[in-house]
Amino acid sequence: MQLQVARIGKPHGIRGEVTVQVLTDAPEDRFVPGTEFVVEPSASGPLTVSSARWNKDILLLGFEEVADRNQAETLRGAKLFIETEELDEDDDEGWYEHELVGLEARVESRVVGKVTALNTMPVQDLLVVTTPGGDEILIPFVEQIVPEVNIDEGFILLTPPDGLFGINSDEAAAPEAEGNA
């Protein structure tokens, strides 16, 4: 299985460097010269890191296969993956998106939906939970709201604040619509 670690953004300069959106908590380990990435779409890769540097808060990567800005432009939006065999299986500090997607979301013993994505944000991550009715609810992935993640049994336990699951529902929107009429 492969794990996405970055998404390529726009070119930077004329020598083929690109900006990347980092999707890993260990960029200093993942983006070292010589590292080879599987790329999606596959026609763009594989890519081998030739340089990595920070420009303010933005990571800039150069690849051995990319010589100039025109080639770099063709990579915009491409996703960079590593093989999960390279991962440390004893890492208890967090979960990867592929481990969370598909888990049941429960409040006490009641199933309220399924995890369909993990949005990695600068301040905190958000779980995307899709309810049986098809609504997508964004859940802050913090211990106070998600006190238990049980990969083996296939669920996460939620202790949501009042109204969290009503925010996107039609019932919650109805009073606001009536007030504006």
N, C-alpha and C. Protein backbone atom coordinates (compact mmCIF):
# COMPACT_ATOMS: atom_id res chain seq x y z
N MET A 1 0.83 -1.18 0.00
CA MET A 1 0.00 0.00 0.00
C MET A 1 0.88 1.24 0.00
N GLN A 2 0.38 2.30 -0.64
CA GLN A 2 1.13 3.54 -0.74
C GLN A 2 0.51 4.61 0.14
N LEU A 3 1.35 5.52 0.62
CA LEU A 3 0.91 6.61 1.48
C LEU A 3 1.28 7.92 0.83
N GLN A 4 0.29 8.82 0.66
CA GLN A 4 0.56 10.11 0.06
C GLN A 4 1.28 10.99 1.08
N VAL A 5 2.40 11.60 0.66
CA VAL A 5 3.17 12.47 1.55
C VAL A 5 3.21 13.92 1.09
N ALA A 6 2.78 14.19 -0.16
CA ALA A 6 2.80 15.56 -0.65
C ALA A 6 1.96 15.70 -1.92
N ARG A 7 1.60 16.95 -2.20
CA ARG A 7 0.94 17.31 -3.46
C ARG A 7 1.76 18.44 -4.05
N ILE A 8 2.10 18.34 -5.33
CA ILE A 8 2.93 19.35 -5.99
C ILE A 8 2.08 20.56 -6.35
N GLY A 9 2.63 21.73 -6.06
CA GLY A 9 1.98 22.99 -6.38
C GLY A 9 2.60 23.62 -7.62
N LYS A 10 2.76 24.92 -7.57
CA LYS A 10 3.25 25.65 -8.74
C LYS A 10 4.78 25.61 -8.83
N PRO A 11 5.31 25.87 -10.03
CA PRO A 11 6.77 25.95 -10.19
C PRO A 11 7.32 27.14 -9.41
N HIS A 12 8.61 27.05 -9.06
CA HIS A 12 9.28 28.14 -8.36
C HIS A 12 10.61 28.38 -9.07
N GLY A 13 10.75 29.55 -9.66
CA GLY A 13 11.99 29.87 -10.37
C GLY A 13 12.06 29.20 -11.73
N ILE A 14 13.26 29.23 -12.33
CA ILE A 14 13.42 28.72 -13.70
C ILE A 14 14.16 27.40 -13.76
N ARG A 15 14.62 26.88 -12.63
CA ARG A 15 15.45 25.67 -12.63
C ARG A 15 14.68 24.38 -12.34
N GLY A 16 13.34 24.45 -12.38
CA GLY A 16 12.56 23.23 -12.24
C GLY A 16 12.09 22.90 -10.83
N GLU A 17 12.34 23.80 -9.86
CA GLU A 17 11.83 23.55 -8.51
C GLU A 17 10.32 23.74 -8.48
N VAL A 18 9.68 23.04 -7.54
CA VAL A 18 8.23 23.17 -7.35
C VAL A 18 7.94 23.38 -5.86
N THR A 19 6.80 24.04 -5.61
CA THR A 19 6.31 24.11 -4.24
C THR A 19 5.54 22.83 -3.97
N VAL A 20 5.50 22.40 -2.70
CA VAL A 20 4.71 21.22 -2.37
C VAL A 20 3.90 21.48 -1.12
N GLN A 21 2.70 20.89 -1.10
CA GLN A 21 1.88 20.87 0.10
C GLN A 21 2.30 19.60 0.85
N VAL A 22 2.90 19.77 2.00
CA VAL A 22 3.41 18.65 2.78
C VAL A 22 2.27 17.96 3.52
N LEU A 23 2.17 16.64 3.38
CA LEU A 23 1.11 15.86 4.03
C LEU A 23 1.70 14.81 4.97
N THR A 24 2.87 15.10 5.52
CA THR A 24 3.52 14.19 6.45
C THR A 24 4.02 15.00 7.64
N ASP A 25 4.11 14.36 8.78
CA ASP A 25 4.60 15.08 9.96
C ASP A 25 6.12 14.99 10.10
N ALA A 26 6.80 14.37 9.16
CA ALA A 26 8.26 14.26 9.21
C ALA A 26 8.89 14.63 7.87
N PRO A 27 8.71 15.89 7.41
CA PRO A 27 9.26 16.26 6.10
C PRO A 27 10.77 16.16 6.03
N GLU A 28 11.45 16.38 7.15
CA GLU A 28 12.92 16.30 7.14
C GLU A 28 13.41 14.89 6.87
N ASP A 29 12.57 13.87 7.13
CA ASP A 29 12.93 12.48 6.85
C ASP A 29 12.45 12.02 5.47
N ARG A 30 11.37 12.59 4.98
CA ARG A 30 10.74 12.12 3.73
C ARG A 30 11.33 12.76 2.47
N PHE A 31 11.81 14.00 2.57
CA PHE A 31 12.21 14.74 1.37
C PHE A 31 13.71 15.00 1.34
N VAL A 32 14.48 13.93 1.42
CA VAL A 32 15.94 14.05 1.35
C VAL A 32 16.41 13.67 -0.06
N PRO A 33 17.49 14.30 -0.53
CA PRO A 33 18.00 13.96 -1.86
C PRO A 33 18.21 12.45 -2.00
N GLY A 34 17.79 11.93 -3.15
CA GLY A 34 17.89 10.50 -3.42
C GLY A 34 16.60 9.74 -3.18
N THR A 35 15.65 10.35 -2.46
CA THR A 35 14.37 9.69 -2.20
C THR A 35 13.57 9.62 -3.50
N GLU A 36 13.04 8.44 -3.80
CA GLU A 36 12.24 8.27 -5.01
C GLU A 36 10.77 8.13 -4.62
N PHE A 37 9.90 8.87 -5.31
CA PHE A 37 8.47 8.85 -5.06
C PHE A 37 7.71 8.22 -6.21
N VAL A 38 6.67 7.49 -5.86
CA VAL A 38 5.69 7.05 -6.83
C VAL A 38 4.78 8.25 -7.06
N VAL A 39 4.41 8.52 -8.30
CA VAL A 39 3.66 9.72 -8.63
C VAL A 39 2.31 9.35 -9.24
N GLU A 40 1.30 10.13 -8.87
CA GLU A 40 -0.03 10.00 -9.49
C GLU A 40 -0.34 11.35 -10.11
N PRO A 41 -0.53 11.47 -11.41
CA PRO A 41 -0.64 10.40 -12.39
C PRO A 41 0.72 9.74 -12.68
N SER A 42 0.67 8.47 -12.96
CA SER A 42 1.89 7.68 -13.13
C SER A 42 2.75 8.16 -14.30
N ALA A 43 2.16 8.82 -15.28
CA ALA A 43 2.93 9.33 -16.42
C ALA A 43 3.94 10.40 -15.98
N SER A 44 3.74 11.00 -14.81
CA SER A 44 4.65 12.04 -14.31
C SER A 44 5.83 11.50 -13.52
N GLY A 45 5.86 10.22 -13.27
CA GLY A 45 6.91 9.71 -12.39
C GLY A 45 7.50 8.42 -12.88
N PRO A 46 8.33 7.82 -12.04
CA PRO A 46 8.69 8.23 -10.68
C PRO A 46 9.57 9.47 -10.67
N LEU A 47 9.64 10.12 -9.51
CA LEU A 47 10.47 11.31 -9.34
C LEU A 47 11.46 11.09 -8.20
N THR A 48 12.71 11.54 -8.41
CA THR A 48 13.76 11.41 -7.42
C THR A 48 14.18 12.79 -6.93
N VAL A 49 14.15 13.02 -5.63
CA VAL A 49 14.50 14.32 -5.05
C VAL A 49 15.98 14.61 -5.29
N SER A 50 16.25 15.80 -5.85
CA SER A 50 17.64 16.23 -6.01
C SER A 50 17.96 17.35 -5.01
N SER A 51 16.93 18.11 -4.62
CA SER A 51 17.14 19.17 -3.62
C SER A 51 15.85 19.42 -2.87
N ALA A 52 16.01 19.84 -1.62
CA ALA A 52 14.86 20.20 -0.79
C ALA A 52 15.29 21.37 0.09
N ARG A 53 14.48 22.42 0.07
CA ARG A 53 14.79 23.59 0.91
C ARG A 53 13.50 24.31 1.26
N TRP A 54 13.57 25.02 2.36
CA TRP A 54 12.41 25.78 2.82
C TRP A 54 12.57 27.23 2.40
N ASN A 55 11.50 27.82 1.88
CA ASN A 55 11.42 29.24 1.58
C ASN A 55 10.27 29.78 2.42
N LYS A 56 10.61 30.37 3.57
CA LYS A 56 9.62 30.75 4.58
C LYS A 56 8.94 29.47 5.05
N ASP A 57 7.63 29.33 4.88
CA ASP A 57 6.92 28.14 5.33
C ASP A 57 6.59 27.18 4.19
N ILE A 58 7.23 27.37 3.05
CA ILE A 58 6.92 26.56 1.86
C ILE A 58 8.12 25.68 1.52
N LEU A 59 7.86 24.38 1.35
CA LEU A 59 8.92 23.47 0.95
C LEU A 59 9.06 23.51 -0.56
N LEU A 60 10.30 23.67 -1.02
CA LEU A 60 10.62 23.65 -2.45
C LEU A 60 11.42 22.39 -2.74
N LEU A 61 10.99 21.65 -3.74
CA LEU A 61 11.69 20.43 -4.14
C LEU A 61 12.19 20.56 -5.57
N GLY A 62 13.38 20.01 -5.80
CA GLY A 62 13.90 19.83 -7.14
C GLY A 62 14.00 18.33 -7.39
N PHE A 63 13.77 17.93 -8.62
CA PHE A 63 13.81 16.51 -8.97
C PHE A 63 14.84 16.27 -10.07
N GLU A 64 15.52 15.14 -10.00
CA GLU A 64 16.52 14.80 -11.01
C GLU A 64 15.91 14.77 -12.41
N GLU A 65 14.65 14.40 -12.51
CA GLU A 65 13.99 14.24 -13.81
C GLU A 65 13.45 15.55 -14.38
N VAL A 66 13.52 16.65 -13.61
CA VAL A 66 12.92 17.92 -14.03
C VAL A 66 14.02 18.98 -14.15
N ALA A 67 14.21 19.47 -15.41
CA ALA A 67 15.33 20.39 -15.65
C ALA A 67 14.94 21.86 -15.67
N ASP A 68 13.67 22.17 -15.97
CA ASP A 68 13.31 23.58 -16.11
C ASP A 68 11.86 23.84 -15.68
N ARG A 69 11.50 25.11 -15.72
CA ARG A 69 10.17 25.55 -15.27
C ARG A 69 9.06 24.91 -16.11
N ASN A 70 9.27 24.76 -17.41
CA ASN A 70 8.23 24.17 -18.26
C ASN A 70 7.92 22.74 -17.84
N GLN A 71 8.95 21.96 -17.54
CA GLN A 71 8.72 20.59 -17.07
C GLN A 71 8.04 20.61 -15.71
N ALA A 72 8.46 21.54 -14.84
CA ALA A 72 7.88 21.64 -13.50
C ALA A 72 6.39 21.96 -13.58
N GLU A 73 6.01 22.79 -14.53
CA GLU A 73 4.59 23.17 -14.69
C GLU A 73 3.71 21.94 -14.98
N THR A 74 4.25 20.95 -15.68
CA THR A 74 3.47 19.75 -16.01
C THR A 74 3.19 18.89 -14.78
N LEU A 75 3.90 19.14 -13.68
CA LEU A 75 3.72 18.35 -12.46
C LEU A 75 2.66 18.92 -11.53
N ARG A 76 2.17 20.13 -11.81
CA ARG A 76 1.22 20.79 -10.91
C ARG A 76 0.04 19.87 -10.60
N GLY A 77 -0.25 19.69 -9.32
CA GLY A 77 -1.37 18.85 -8.89
C GLY A 77 -1.02 17.38 -8.71
N ALA A 78 0.18 16.97 -9.13
CA ALA A 78 0.57 15.56 -8.98
C ALA A 78 0.73 15.22 -7.50
N LYS A 79 0.47 13.97 -7.16
CA LYS A 79 0.58 13.50 -5.78
C LYS A 79 1.81 12.63 -5.64
N LEU A 80 2.53 12.81 -4.54
CA LEU A 80 3.74 12.03 -4.27
C LEU A 80 3.44 10.99 -3.19
N PHE A 81 3.84 9.75 -3.45
CA PHE A 81 3.57 8.63 -2.54
C PHE A 81 4.86 7.91 -2.18
N ILE A 82 4.87 7.30 -0.98
CA ILE A 82 5.91 6.37 -0.60
C ILE A 82 5.26 5.03 -0.35
N GLU A 83 6.05 3.98 -0.40
CA GLU A 83 5.54 2.65 -0.07
C GLU A 83 5.42 2.53 1.43
N THR A 84 4.32 1.97 1.95
CA THR A 84 4.11 1.90 3.39
C THR A 84 5.06 0.92 4.06
N GLU A 85 5.72 0.05 3.31
CA GLU A 85 6.70 -0.85 3.91
C GLU A 85 7.84 -0.06 4.56
N GLU A 86 8.03 1.20 4.09
CA GLU A 86 9.09 2.04 4.64
C GLU A 86 8.71 2.64 5.98
N LEU A 87 7.45 2.54 6.36
CA LEU A 87 6.98 3.19 7.58
C LEU A 87 7.35 2.41 8.82
N ASP A 88 7.51 3.12 9.91
CA ASP A 88 7.78 2.50 11.21
C ASP A 88 6.45 2.03 11.79
N GLU A 89 6.25 0.73 11.84
CA GLU A 89 4.97 0.18 12.30
C GLU A 89 4.75 0.37 13.79
N ASP A 90 5.78 0.72 14.54
CA ASP A 90 5.64 0.92 15.99
C ASP A 90 5.28 2.35 16.34
N ASP A 91 5.00 3.18 15.36
CA ASP A 91 4.68 4.58 15.60
C ASP A 91 3.28 4.70 16.18
N ASP A 92 3.19 5.05 17.47
CA ASP A 92 1.90 5.18 18.13
C ASP A 92 1.45 6.62 18.24
N GLU A 93 2.14 7.55 17.58
CA GLU A 93 1.83 8.96 17.73
C GLU A 93 0.65 9.42 16.89
N GLY A 94 0.19 8.65 15.93
CA GLY A 94 -0.90 9.10 15.09
C GLY A 94 -1.35 8.03 14.13
N TRP A 95 -2.24 8.43 13.26
CA TRP A 95 -2.81 7.51 12.28
C TRP A 95 -2.68 8.13 10.90
N TYR A 96 -2.61 7.26 9.92
CA TYR A 96 -2.60 7.69 8.54
C TYR A 96 -4.02 7.64 8.00
N GLU A 97 -4.26 8.45 6.96
CA GLU A 97 -5.60 8.54 6.39
C GLU A 97 -6.13 7.17 5.98
N HIS A 98 -5.29 6.34 5.36
CA HIS A 98 -5.76 5.03 4.89
C HIS A 98 -6.19 4.14 6.05
N GLU A 99 -5.70 4.41 7.28
CA GLU A 99 -6.12 3.62 8.44
C GLU A 99 -7.48 4.08 8.97
N LEU A 100 -7.80 5.37 8.77
CA LEU A 100 -9.02 5.94 9.33
C LEU A 100 -10.23 5.83 8.41
N VAL A 101 -10.00 5.95 7.10
CA VAL A 101 -11.11 5.92 6.15
C VAL A 101 -11.81 4.57 6.21
N GLY A 102 -13.13 4.61 6.35
CA GLY A 102 -13.94 3.40 6.43
C GLY A 102 -14.33 3.02 7.85
N LEU A 103 -13.71 3.66 8.86
CA LEU A 103 -14.08 3.34 10.24
C LEU A 103 -15.47 3.90 10.54
N GLU A 104 -16.24 3.15 11.36
CA GLU A 104 -17.52 3.65 11.83
C GLU A 104 -17.27 4.79 12.80
N ALA A 105 -18.11 5.81 12.73
CA ALA A 105 -18.07 6.89 13.71
C ALA A 105 -19.22 6.64 14.68
N ARG A 106 -18.89 6.55 15.98
CA ARG A 106 -19.90 6.24 16.99
C ARG A 106 -19.96 7.34 18.04
N VAL A 107 -21.18 7.62 18.48
CA VAL A 107 -21.41 8.44 19.66
C VAL A 107 -22.03 7.49 20.66
N GLU A 108 -21.31 7.21 21.74
CA GLU A 108 -21.64 6.13 22.68
C GLU A 108 -21.71 4.84 21.87
N SER A 109 -22.84 4.13 21.81
CA SER A 109 -22.90 2.89 21.03
C SER A 109 -23.64 3.07 19.71
N ARG A 110 -24.07 4.30 19.41
CA ARG A 110 -24.85 4.59 18.21
C ARG A 110 -23.93 4.97 17.05
N VAL A 111 -24.10 4.31 15.90
CA VAL A 111 -23.32 4.63 14.70
C VAL A 111 -23.92 5.88 14.06
N VAL A 112 -23.09 6.91 13.87
CA VAL A 112 -23.58 8.17 13.30
C VAL A 112 -23.02 8.42 11.90
N GLY A 113 -22.15 7.53 11.42
CA GLY A 113 -21.60 7.70 10.08
C GLY A 113 -20.32 6.92 9.90
N LYS A 114 -19.64 7.22 8.80
CA LYS A 114 -18.35 6.59 8.49
C LYS A 114 -17.34 7.67 8.17
N VAL A 115 -16.09 7.41 8.55
CA VAL A 115 -15.00 8.32 8.22
C VAL A 115 -14.72 8.15 6.72
N THR A 116 -14.77 9.27 5.98
CA THR A 116 -14.52 9.20 4.54
C THR A 116 -13.25 9.92 4.11
N ALA A 117 -12.66 10.73 5.01
CA ALA A 117 -11.42 11.42 4.65
C ALA A 117 -10.79 12.02 5.90
N LEU A 118 -9.53 12.41 5.77
CA LEU A 118 -8.82 13.15 6.79
C LEU A 118 -8.25 14.38 6.11
N ASN A 119 -8.68 15.56 6.56
CA ASN A 119 -8.16 16.82 6.02
C ASN A 119 -7.04 17.29 6.94
N THR A 120 -5.82 17.32 6.42
CA THR A 120 -4.67 17.76 7.19
C THR A 120 -4.57 19.26 7.08
N MET A 121 -4.73 19.95 8.20
CA MET A 121 -4.76 21.41 8.22
C MET A 121 -3.57 21.91 9.05
N PRO A 122 -3.18 23.18 8.88
CA PRO A 122 -2.03 23.71 9.63
C PRO A 122 -2.22 23.69 11.15
N VAL A 123 -3.42 24.00 11.63
CA VAL A 123 -3.64 24.09 13.07
C VAL A 123 -4.05 22.75 13.66
N GLN A 124 -5.04 22.10 13.05
CA GLN A 124 -5.48 20.78 13.51
C GLN A 124 -6.08 20.03 12.35
N ASP A 125 -6.07 18.72 12.44
CA ASP A 125 -6.65 17.90 11.39
C ASP A 125 -8.15 17.78 11.59
N LEU A 126 -8.86 17.56 10.50
CA LEU A 126 -10.31 17.38 10.54
C LEU A 126 -10.68 16.04 9.92
N LEU A 127 -11.50 15.28 10.64
CA LEU A 127 -12.04 14.05 10.07
C LEU A 127 -13.30 14.42 9.30
N VAL A 128 -13.48 13.83 8.14
CA VAL A 128 -14.72 14.00 7.39
C VAL A 128 -15.55 12.76 7.66
N VAL A 129 -16.70 12.94 8.30
CA VAL A 129 -17.61 11.84 8.60
C VAL A 129 -18.85 12.03 7.76
N THR A 130 -19.20 11.00 6.98
CA THR A 130 -20.41 11.04 6.17
C THR A 130 -21.51 10.29 6.91
N THR A 131 -22.61 10.99 7.14
CA THR A 131 -23.74 10.40 7.88
C THR A 131 -24.51 9.45 6.97
N PRO A 132 -25.37 8.61 7.54
CA PRO A 132 -26.19 7.72 6.70
C PRO A 132 -27.05 8.50 5.70
N GLY A 133 -27.42 9.74 6.04
CA GLY A 133 -28.21 10.57 5.13
C GLY A 133 -27.39 11.25 4.05
N GLY A 134 -26.06 11.08 4.07
CA GLY A 134 -25.21 11.64 3.04
C GLY A 134 -24.57 12.98 3.38
N ASP A 135 -24.88 13.54 4.57
CA ASP A 135 -24.26 14.80 4.97
C ASP A 135 -22.80 14.55 5.34
N GLU A 136 -21.93 15.53 5.03
CA GLU A 136 -20.53 15.46 5.45
C GLU A 136 -20.35 16.38 6.64
N ILE A 137 -19.84 15.83 7.73
CA ILE A 137 -19.60 16.59 8.95
C ILE A 137 -18.09 16.63 9.18
N LEU A 138 -17.57 17.84 9.43
CA LEU A 138 -16.15 17.99 9.72
C LEU A 138 -15.97 17.92 11.23
N ILE A 139 -15.15 16.97 11.67
CA ILE A 139 -14.93 16.73 13.10
C ILE A 139 -13.49 17.10 13.44
N PRO A 140 -13.28 18.07 14.35
CA PRO A 140 -11.91 18.36 14.77
C PRO A 140 -11.29 17.09 15.36
N PHE A 141 -10.13 16.71 14.83
CA PHE A 141 -9.47 15.47 15.26
C PHE A 141 -8.60 15.77 16.47
N VAL A 142 -9.28 16.03 17.60
CA VAL A 142 -8.62 16.32 18.87
C VAL A 142 -9.13 15.33 19.91
N GLU A 143 -8.33 15.07 20.93
CA GLU A 143 -8.66 14.05 21.92
C GLU A 143 -9.98 14.31 22.65
N GLN A 144 -10.32 15.58 22.87
CA GLN A 144 -11.56 15.90 23.57
C GLN A 144 -12.79 15.46 22.79
N ILE A 145 -12.72 15.48 21.45
CA ILE A 145 -13.87 15.14 20.62
C ILE A 145 -13.75 13.72 20.07
N VAL A 146 -12.53 13.24 19.86
CA VAL A 146 -12.28 11.88 19.37
C VAL A 146 -11.39 11.18 20.41
N PRO A 147 -12.00 10.72 21.54
CA PRO A 147 -11.17 10.15 22.60
C PRO A 147 -10.64 8.75 22.29
N GLU A 148 -11.25 8.06 21.32
CA GLU A 148 -10.80 6.69 21.02
C GLU A 148 -10.82 6.42 19.53
N VAL A 149 -9.70 5.88 19.04
CA VAL A 149 -9.60 5.37 17.68
C VAL A 149 -9.23 3.90 17.82
N ASN A 150 -10.13 3.02 17.36
CA ASN A 150 -9.90 1.59 17.48
C ASN A 150 -9.85 0.98 16.09
N ILE A 151 -8.63 0.94 15.55
CA ILE A 151 -8.42 0.42 14.19
C ILE A 151 -8.82 -1.05 14.12
N ASP A 152 -8.42 -1.84 15.13
CA ASP A 152 -8.67 -3.28 15.11
C ASP A 152 -10.16 -3.61 15.07
N GLU A 153 -10.98 -2.85 15.82
CA GLU A 153 -12.42 -3.13 15.84
C GLU A 153 -13.20 -2.28 14.85
N GLY A 154 -12.52 -1.38 14.15
CA GLY A 154 -13.14 -0.64 13.05
C GLY A 154 -14.02 0.52 13.43
N PHE A 155 -13.67 1.27 14.48
CA PHE A 155 -14.50 2.42 14.83
C PHE A 155 -13.69 3.53 15.49
N ILE A 156 -14.29 4.73 15.47
CA ILE A 156 -13.81 5.83 16.30
C ILE A 156 -14.96 6.21 17.21
N LEU A 157 -14.62 6.62 18.41
CA LEU A 157 -15.62 7.07 19.38
C LEU A 157 -15.59 8.59 19.41
N LEU A 158 -16.77 9.21 19.31
CA LEU A 158 -16.87 10.66 19.32
C LEU A 158 -17.61 11.15 20.55
N THR A 159 -17.19 12.29 21.06
CA THR A 159 -17.93 13.01 22.10
C THR A 159 -18.12 14.43 21.57
N PRO A 160 -19.02 14.58 20.58
CA PRO A 160 -19.16 15.87 19.92
C PRO A 160 -19.87 16.90 20.79
N PRO A 161 -19.53 18.17 20.63
CA PRO A 161 -20.28 19.20 21.33
C PRO A 161 -21.70 19.28 20.76
N ASP A 162 -22.62 19.81 21.56
CA ASP A 162 -24.01 19.95 21.11
C ASP A 162 -24.06 20.68 19.78
N GLY A 163 -24.86 20.15 18.87
CA GLY A 163 -25.09 20.80 17.58
C GLY A 163 -24.12 20.45 16.48
N LEU A 164 -23.03 19.75 16.78
CA LEU A 164 -22.04 19.47 15.74
C LEU A 164 -22.64 18.69 14.58
N PHE A 165 -23.48 17.71 14.88
CA PHE A 165 -24.07 16.91 13.81
C PHE A 165 -25.29 17.58 13.20
N GLY A 166 -25.79 18.64 13.76
CA GLY A 166 -26.94 19.35 13.21
C GLY A 166 -26.56 20.51 12.31
N ILE A 167 -25.29 20.90 12.32
CA ILE A 167 -24.86 22.09 11.58
C ILE A 167 -25.18 21.98 10.09
N ASN A 168 -24.90 20.85 9.47
CA ASN A 168 -25.10 20.71 8.02
C ASN A 168 -26.46 20.15 7.65
N SER A 169 -27.30 19.86 8.63
CA SER A 169 -28.57 19.22 8.31
C SER A 169 -29.61 20.23 7.85
N ASP A 170 -30.62 19.76 7.13
CA ASP A 170 -31.70 20.62 6.65
C ASP A 170 -32.48 21.23 7.81
N GLU A 171 -32.65 20.45 8.91
CA GLU A 171 -33.41 20.95 10.06
C GLU A 171 -32.71 22.17 10.66
N ALA A 172 -31.38 22.15 10.70
CA ALA A 172 -30.63 23.26 11.29
C ALA A 172 -30.71 24.49 10.39
N ALA A 173 -30.78 24.30 9.08
CA ALA A 173 -30.83 25.41 8.15
C ALA A 173 -32.23 26.02 8.06
N ALA A 174 -33.26 25.25 8.36
CA ALA A 174 -34.64 25.71 8.21
C ALA A 174 -34.96 26.95 9.06
N PRO A 175 -34.65 27.01 10.35
CA PRO A 175 -34.97 28.20 11.14
C PRO A 175 -34.30 29.46 10.59
N GLU A 176 -33.07 29.33 10.10
CA GLU A 176 -32.36 30.48 9.55
C GLU A 176 -33.08 30.97 8.30
N ALA A 177 -33.53 30.06 7.45
CA ALA A 177 -34.24 30.42 6.22
C ALA A 177 -35.54 31.13 6.54
N GLU A 178 -36.26 30.65 7.59
CA GLU A 178 -37.53 31.27 7.96
C GLU A 178 -37.29 32.67 8.48
N GLY A 179 -36.21 32.90 9.22
CA GLY A 179 -35.92 34.20 9.78
C GLY A 179 -35.60 35.23 8.72
N ASN A 180 -35.11 34.79 7.56
CA ASN A 180 -34.75 35.71 6.49
C ASN A 180 -35.92 36.00 5.57
N ALA A 181 -37.05 35.30 5.72
CA ALA A 181 -38.18 35.45 4.80
C ALA A 181 -38.97 36.69 5.06
